[in-house]
Amino acid sequence: RNVIMNDILKKIDIIWLFITFLGCLQGLIGYQYILGWLLGCLISYICYIRIKLVSKKVLINKVAKGVQASFGINYILMAIGLIIAAKWSNYCNVFSCFLGLLSIKISIYITEIT
């Protein structure tokens, strides 16, 4: 079962890298779009890694201690990314940052379909 889970996680990582690369094509429009996209993707991936670590701890310890706090921290990270993009809108696009925050979610959906 662990081998299957590792394969799924690797597939999500590969699809995320591909989606991130495709999103970088927004750079043809303007550098603000690509910087917002990369900021959103980076924060999304950090949240994804945090969820994986918390999930492993919950499965090993069989105690869901700190799960709500972890999700709260993830939401704070996402809010910080959007605030950064809004504050420095000359350098980052808020909408592409928001789409970047959805990159892991899109990767998981694509993994489920295939």
C-alpha atoms as a PDB file:
ATOM      1  CA  ARG A   1       0.000   0.000   0.000  1.00  0.00           C
ATOM      2  CA  ASN A   2       2.883   2.368   0.795  1.00  0.00           C
ATOM      3  CA  VAL A   3       4.424   1.786  -2.645  1.00  0.00           C
ATOM      4  CA  ILE A   4       1.156   2.714  -4.357  1.00  0.00           C
ATOM      5  CA  MET A   5       0.901   5.889  -2.267  1.00  0.00           C
ATOM      6  CA  ASN A   6       4.479   6.878  -3.121  1.00  0.00           C
ATOM      7  CA  ASP A   7       3.732   6.356  -6.817  1.00  0.00           C
ATOM      8  CA  ILE A   8       0.673   8.592  -6.576  1.00  0.00           C
ATOM      9  CA  LEU A   9       2.631  11.299  -4.747  1.00  0.00           C
ATOM     10  CA  LYS A  10       5.408  11.169  -7.365  1.00  0.00           C
ATOM     11  CA  LYS A  11       2.811  11.448 -10.114  1.00  0.00           C
ATOM     12  CA  ILE A  12       1.293  14.516  -8.407  1.00  0.00           C
ATOM     13  CA  ASP A  13       4.768  16.077  -8.197  1.00  0.00           C
ATOM     14  CA  ILE A  14       5.465  15.460 -11.892  1.00  0.00           C
ATOM     15  CA  ILE A  15       2.106  16.855 -12.978  1.00  0.00           C
ATOM     16  CA  TRP A  16       2.641  19.875 -10.715  1.00  0.00           C
ATOM     17  CA  LEU A  17       6.024  20.548 -12.345  1.00  0.00           C
ATOM     18  CA  PHE A  18       4.433  20.307 -15.787  1.00  0.00           C
ATOM     19  CA  ILE A  19       1.589  22.666 -14.812  1.00  0.00           C
ATOM     20  CA  THR A  20       4.084  25.095 -13.289  1.00  0.00           C
ATOM     21  CA  PHE A  21       6.107  25.062 -16.501  1.00  0.00           C
ATOM     22  CA  LEU A  22       2.983  25.649 -18.588  1.00  0.00           C
ATOM     23  CA  GLY A  23       2.014  28.532 -16.336  1.00  0.00           C
ATOM     24  CA  CYS A  24       5.406  30.099 -16.902  1.00  0.00           C
ATOM     25  CA  LEU A  25       4.361  30.669 -20.501  1.00  0.00           C
ATOM     26  CA  GLN A  26       2.380  33.595 -19.110  1.00  0.00           C
ATOM     27  CA  GLY A  27       5.731  35.347 -19.106  1.00  0.00           C
ATOM     28  CA  LEU A  28       5.137  36.034 -22.771  1.00  0.00           C
ATOM     29  CA  ILE A  29       2.387  38.446 -21.707  1.00  0.00           C
ATOM     30  CA  GLY A  30       4.399  40.179 -18.987  1.00  0.00           C
ATOM     31  CA  TYR A  31       6.789  39.459 -16.171  1.00  0.00           C
ATOM     32  CA  GLN A  32       4.157  40.346 -13.529  1.00  0.00           C
ATOM     33  CA  TYR A  33       2.121  37.316 -14.555  1.00  0.00           C
ATOM     34  CA  ILE A  34       4.986  34.872 -14.309  1.00  0.00           C
ATOM     35  CA  LEU A  35       6.143  36.206 -10.925  1.00  0.00           C
ATOM     36  CA  GLY A  36       2.609  35.999  -9.523  1.00  0.00           C
ATOM     37  CA  TRP A  37       2.235  32.485 -10.921  1.00  0.00           C
ATOM     38  CA  LEU A  38       5.545  31.317  -9.429  1.00  0.00           C
ATOM     39  CA  LEU A  39       4.711  32.878  -6.047  1.00  0.00           C
ATOM     40  CA  GLY A  40       1.370  31.081  -5.993  1.00  0.00           C
ATOM     41  CA  CYS A  41       2.906  27.780  -7.107  1.00  0.00           C
ATOM     42  CA  LEU A  42       5.657  28.004  -4.497  1.00  0.00           C
ATOM     43  CA  ILE A  43       3.214  28.646  -1.670  1.00  0.00           C
ATOM     44  CA  SER A  44       0.916  25.920  -2.971  1.00  0.00           C
ATOM     45  CA  TYR A  45       3.768  23.417  -2.962  1.00  0.00           C
ATOM     46  CA  ILE A  46       4.833  24.433   0.560  1.00  0.00           C
ATOM     47  CA  CYS A  47       1.260  23.837   1.753  1.00  0.00           C
ATOM     48  CA  TYR A  48       1.245  20.478  -0.046  1.00  0.00           C
ATOM     49  CA  ILE A  49       4.449  19.385   1.704  1.00  0.00           C
ATOM     50  CA  ARG A  50       3.016  20.499   5.060  1.00  0.00           C
ATOM     51  CA  ILE A  51      -0.137  18.450   4.449  1.00  0.00           C
ATOM     52  CA  LYS A  52       1.951  15.378   3.571  1.00  0.00           C
ATOM     53  CA  LEU A  53       4.000  15.714   6.768  1.00  0.00           C
ATOM     54  CA  VAL A  54       0.942  16.218   8.982  1.00  0.00           C
ATOM     55  CA  SER A  55      -0.823  13.273   7.325  1.00  0.00           C
ATOM     56  CA  LYS A  56       2.150  10.985   7.978  1.00  0.00           C
ATOM     57  CA  LYS A  57       2.277  12.062  11.628  1.00  0.00           C
ATOM     58  CA  VAL A  58      -1.455  11.431  12.032  1.00  0.00           C
ATOM     59  CA  LEU A  59      -1.215   7.984  10.441  1.00  0.00           C
ATOM     60  CA  ILE A  60       1.788   6.990  12.538  1.00  0.00           C
ATOM     61  CA  ASN A  61       0.543   8.348  15.884  1.00  0.00           C
ATOM     62  CA  LYS A  62      -3.153   7.653  15.217  1.00  0.00           C
ATOM     63  CA  VAL A  63      -3.914  11.002  16.870  1.00  0.00           C
ATOM     64  CA  ALA A  64      -5.210  14.004  14.926  1.00  0.00           C
ATOM     65  CA  LYS A  65      -3.459  16.476  17.187  1.00  0.00           C
ATOM     66  CA  GLY A  66      -2.619  19.800  15.554  1.00  0.00           C
ATOM     67  CA  VAL A  67      -4.361  19.149  12.243  1.00  0.00           C
ATOM     68  CA  GLN A  68      -6.583  22.216  12.517  1.00  0.00           C
ATOM     69  CA  ALA A  69      -3.602  24.410  13.378  1.00  0.00           C
ATOM     70  CA  SER A  70      -1.738  23.065  10.366  1.00  0.00           C
ATOM     71  CA  PHE A  71      -4.587  23.913   8.013  1.00  0.00           C
ATOM     72  CA  GLY A  72      -4.835  27.329   9.638  1.00  0.00           C
ATOM     73  CA  ILE A  73      -1.149  27.936   8.948  1.00  0.00           C
ATOM     74  CA  ASN A  74      -1.677  26.884   5.318  1.00  0.00           C
ATOM     75  CA  TYR A  75      -4.496  29.417   4.942  1.00  0.00           C
ATOM     76  CA  ILE A  76      -2.290  32.090   6.483  1.00  0.00           C
ATOM     77  CA  LEU A  77       0.490  31.231   4.005  1.00  0.00           C
ATOM     78  CA  MET A  78      -1.956  31.555   1.114  1.00  0.00           C
ATOM     79  CA  ALA A  79      -3.223  34.886   2.444  1.00  0.00           C
ATOM     80  CA  ILE A  80       0.338  36.171   2.802  1.00  0.00           C
ATOM     81  CA  GLY A  81       1.030  35.235  -0.823  1.00  0.00           C
ATOM     82  CA  LEU A  82      -2.031  37.101  -2.041  1.00  0.00           C
ATOM     83  CA  ILE A  83      -1.224  40.107   0.138  1.00  0.00           C
ATOM     84  CA  ILE A  84       2.324  40.201  -1.249  1.00  0.00           C
ATOM     85  CA  ALA A  85       0.972  40.033  -4.795  1.00  0.00           C
ATOM     86  CA  ALA A  86      -1.556  42.786  -4.070  1.00  0.00           C
ATOM     87  CA  LYS A  87       0.937  45.006  -2.254  1.00  0.00           C
ATOM     88  CA  TRP A  88       3.554  44.813  -4.995  1.00  0.00           C
ATOM     89  CA  SER A  89       1.208  44.687  -7.956  1.00  0.00           C
ATOM     90  CA  ASN A  90       3.886  46.282 -10.144  1.00  0.00           C
ATOM     91  CA  TYR A  91       5.881  43.062  -9.809  1.00  0.00           C
ATOM     92  CA  CYS A  92       3.258  40.342  -9.194  1.00  0.00           C
ATOM     93  CA  ASN A  93      -0.191  39.796 -10.630  1.00  0.00           C
ATOM     94  CA  VAL A  94      -2.803  38.890  -8.002  1.00  0.00           C
ATOM     95  CA  PHE A  95      -4.900  36.770 -10.359  1.00  0.00           C
ATOM     96  CA  SER A  96      -1.979  34.679 -11.581  1.00  0.00           C
ATOM     97  CA  CYS A  97      -0.894  34.247  -7.928  1.00  0.00           C
ATOM     98  CA  PHE A  98      -4.385  32.965  -7.122  1.00  0.00           C
ATOM     99  CA  LEU A  99      -4.231  30.532 -10.046  1.00  0.00           C
ATOM    100  CA  GLY A 100      -0.783  29.422  -8.864  1.00  0.00           C
ATOM    101  CA  LEU A 101      -2.275  28.640  -5.464  1.00  0.00           C
ATOM    102  CA  LEU A 102      -4.600  26.205  -7.243  1.00  0.00           C
ATOM    103  CA  SER A 103      -1.759  24.372  -9.024  1.00  0.00           C
ATOM    104  CA  ILE A 104      -1.505  21.496  -6.527  1.00  0.00           C
ATOM    105  CA  LYS A 105      -5.270  21.089  -6.465  1.00  0.00           C
ATOM    106  CA  ILE A 106      -5.320  20.895 -10.268  1.00  0.00           C
ATOM    107  CA  SER A 107      -2.463  18.369 -10.175  1.00  0.00           C
ATOM    108  CA  ILE A 108      -4.382  16.163  -7.745  1.00  0.00           C
ATOM    109  CA  TYR A 109      -7.507  16.334  -9.917  1.00  0.00           C
ATOM    110  CA  ILE A 110      -5.524  15.371 -13.022  1.00  0.00           C
ATOM    111  CA  THR A 111      -3.919  12.489 -11.098  1.00  0.00           C
ATOM    112  CA  GLU A 112      -7.364  11.239 -10.084  1.00  0.00           C
ATOM    113  CA  ILE A 113      -8.613  11.363 -13.681  1.00  0.00           C
ATOM    114  CA  THR A 114      -5.652   9.473 -15.145  1.00  0.00           C
END
